[in-house]
Amino acid sequence: MFLGLAVVLFVIWVLCVLVFKIAAGAIHLIVVIAVIAFIVHFVKGRRAPT
């Protein structure tokens, strides 16, 4: 779930950079959220199934 969220946010970020050129602060915020979602995905994925 978190990996999918990270991918979606990354695609949105790329589109914003290439097409819409929105404010740099918003672009960086999307990148930070995507990185956090990516990290959470791998941290939760390392737990043994119960």
C-alpha atoms as a PDB file:
ATOM      1  CA  MET A   1       0.000   0.000   0.000  1.00  0.00           C
ATOM      2  CA  PHE A   2       2.713   2.468   0.959  1.00  0.00           C
ATOM      3  CA  LEU A   3       4.802   1.559  -2.085  1.00  0.00           C
ATOM      4  CA  GLY A   4       1.838   2.333  -4.326  1.00  0.00           C
ATOM      5  CA  LEU A   5       1.366   5.653  -2.560  1.00  0.00           C
ATOM      6  CA  ALA A   6       5.055   6.465  -3.040  1.00  0.00           C
ATOM      7  CA  VAL A   7       4.835   5.660  -6.762  1.00  0.00           C
ATOM      8  CA  VAL A   8       1.702   7.778  -7.233  1.00  0.00           C
ATOM      9  CA  LEU A   9       3.249  10.725  -5.397  1.00  0.00           C
ATOM     10  CA  PHE A  10       6.464  10.383  -7.417  1.00  0.00           C
ATOM     11  CA  VAL A  11       4.500  10.462 -10.697  1.00  0.00           C
ATOM     12  CA  ILE A  12       2.589  13.529  -9.510  1.00  0.00           C
ATOM     13  CA  TRP A  13       5.883  15.185  -8.617  1.00  0.00           C
ATOM     14  CA  VAL A  14       7.363  14.469 -12.059  1.00  0.00           C
ATOM     15  CA  LEU A  15       4.258  15.826 -13.777  1.00  0.00           C
ATOM     16  CA  CYS A  16       4.384  18.962 -11.656  1.00  0.00           C
ATOM     17  CA  VAL A  17       8.030  19.549 -12.529  1.00  0.00           C
ATOM     18  CA  LEU A  18       7.663  18.890 -16.262  1.00  0.00           C
ATOM     19  CA  VAL A  19       4.166  20.180 -17.026  1.00  0.00           C
ATOM     20  CA  PHE A  20       2.776  22.564 -14.430  1.00  0.00           C
ATOM     21  CA  LYS A  21       5.946  24.042 -12.863  1.00  0.00           C
ATOM     22  CA  ILE A  22       4.207  24.767  -9.568  1.00  0.00           C
ATOM     23  CA  ALA A  23       5.933  26.340  -6.588  1.00  0.00           C
ATOM     24  CA  ALA A  24       9.160  24.663  -5.478  1.00  0.00           C
ATOM     25  CA  GLY A  25       7.877  24.264  -1.920  1.00  0.00           C
ATOM     26  CA  ALA A  26       4.922  22.124  -3.019  1.00  0.00           C
ATOM     27  CA  ILE A  27       7.162  19.943  -5.201  1.00  0.00           C
ATOM     28  CA  HIS A  28       9.536  19.284  -2.328  1.00  0.00           C
ATOM     29  CA  LEU A  29       6.643  18.532   0.009  1.00  0.00           C
ATOM     30  CA  ILE A  30       5.393  15.845  -2.393  1.00  0.00           C
ATOM     31  CA  VAL A  31       8.897  14.361  -2.592  1.00  0.00           C
ATOM     32  CA  VAL A  32       9.217  14.258   1.198  1.00  0.00           C
ATOM     33  CA  ILE A  33       5.831  12.529   1.556  1.00  0.00           C
ATOM     34  CA  ALA A  34       6.785  10.001  -1.127  1.00  0.00           C
ATOM     35  CA  VAL A  35      10.108   9.219   0.567  1.00  0.00           C
ATOM     36  CA  ILE A  36       8.408   8.792   3.947  1.00  0.00           C
ATOM     37  CA  ALA A  37       5.795   6.457   2.416  1.00  0.00           C
ATOM     38  CA  PHE A  38       8.595   4.470   0.725  1.00  0.00           C
ATOM     39  CA  ILE A  39      10.507   4.099   4.018  1.00  0.00           C
ATOM     40  CA  VAL A  40       7.364   3.107   5.929  1.00  0.00           C
ATOM     41  CA  HIS A  41       6.631   0.468   3.276  1.00  0.00           C
ATOM     42  CA  PHE A  42       9.991  -1.212   3.811  1.00  0.00           C
ATOM     43  CA  VAL A  43       9.924  -0.888   7.611  1.00  0.00           C
ATOM     44  CA  LYS A  44       6.484  -2.523   7.798  1.00  0.00           C
ATOM     45  CA  GLY A  45       7.463  -5.084   5.159  1.00  0.00           C
ATOM     46  CA  ARG A  46      10.338  -6.429   7.275  1.00  0.00           C
ATOM     47  CA  ARG A  47       8.071  -7.628  10.076  1.00  0.00           C
ATOM     48  CA  ALA A  48       7.421 -11.340  10.170  1.00  0.00           C
ATOM     49  CA  PRO A  49       3.870 -12.366   9.247  1.00  0.00           C
ATOM     50  CA  THR A  50       1.757 -13.343  12.231  1.00  0.00           C
END
